[in-house]
Protein backbone atom coordinates (compact mmCIF):
# COMPACT_ATOMS: atom_id res chain seq x y z
CA ASP A 1 85.00 117.96 87.63
CA LEU A 2 88.12 116.84 85.73
CA VAL A 3 88.90 113.80 83.59
CA MET A 4 92.44 113.14 82.44
CA ALA A 5 93.75 110.60 79.96
CA VAL A 6 97.45 110.12 80.65
CA GLY A 7 99.96 108.14 78.64
CA THR A 8 97.54 106.07 76.58
CA THR A 9 97.18 105.53 72.87
CA ALA A 10 93.40 105.82 73.38
CA LEU A 11 92.61 102.96 71.05
CA PHE A 12 89.93 101.32 73.15
CA PRO A 13 86.35 102.47 73.84
CA TYR A 14 86.73 102.01 77.60
CA ILE A 15 89.39 104.72 77.51
CA ILE A 16 87.78 107.07 74.99
CA GLN A 17 84.14 107.00 76.13
CA PRO A 18 84.55 108.34 79.69
CA VAL A 19 86.59 111.28 78.42
CA VAL A 20 84.17 112.12 75.61
CA ILE A 21 81.13 111.76 77.90
CA ALA A 22 82.77 113.99 80.50
CA GLY A 23 83.42 116.65 77.88
CA ARG A 24 79.84 116.51 76.65
CA THR A 25 78.57 117.08 80.19
CA GLY A 26 80.73 120.15 80.71
CA LYS A 27 83.60 118.58 82.65
CA LEU A 28 87.15 119.71 82.00
CA THR A 29 89.08 117.16 79.92
CA VAL A 30 92.84 116.87 79.56
CA GLU A 31 95.05 114.52 77.59
CA ILE A 32 98.75 114.12 78.35
CA ASN A 33 100.67 112.15 75.75
CA PRO A 34 103.80 112.63 73.66
CA GLU A 35 101.78 112.07 70.46
CA ASN A 36 98.33 112.88 69.10
CA THR A 37 95.67 110.25 69.78
CA MET A 38 92.04 109.69 68.86
CA LEU A 39 91.18 111.85 71.90
CA SER A 40 93.30 114.85 70.96
CA ASP A 41 90.53 116.63 69.06
CA HIS A 42 87.93 115.93 71.76
CA VAL A 43 89.60 117.28 74.90
CA ASP A 44 89.81 120.80 76.28
CA TYR A 45 93.59 120.56 76.67
CA SER A 46 95.93 118.24 74.82
CA LEU A 47 99.40 118.44 76.34
CA ARG A 48 102.26 117.01 74.29
CA GLY A 49 105.02 115.49 76.34
CA PRO A 50 105.78 112.89 78.99
CA ALA A 51 103.40 112.47 81.92
CA GLY A 52 106.32 112.76 84.34
CA GLY A 53 106.87 116.32 83.18
CA TYR A 54 103.26 117.51 83.34
CA LEU A 55 101.74 115.70 86.33
CA PRO A 56 103.96 117.36 88.97
CA LEU A 57 103.09 120.77 87.52
CA ILE A 58 99.36 119.99 87.55
CA GLU A 59 99.60 118.72 91.13
CA GLU A 60 101.38 121.90 92.19
CA ALA A 61 98.76 124.06 90.49
CA LEU A 62 95.91 122.14 92.12
CA ARG A 63 97.54 122.57 95.53
CA GLY A 64 97.68 126.31 94.97
CA GLY A 65 101.37 126.59 94.20
CA GLU A 66 102.59 125.43 97.61
């Protein structure tokens, strides 16, 4: 249901392809990286910043804000 690319420069096909394929099949795609990458224009959400800042917030949201 969700594919995330976290903290990668996304220079290699084995990183890019699963995210692009997931997006084409209607899955939610998210990139977390301080800088734009080759994936930035192909994901639903491209979050700029460190993974350590975003991942705890995403986890909390997925848990329902516990």
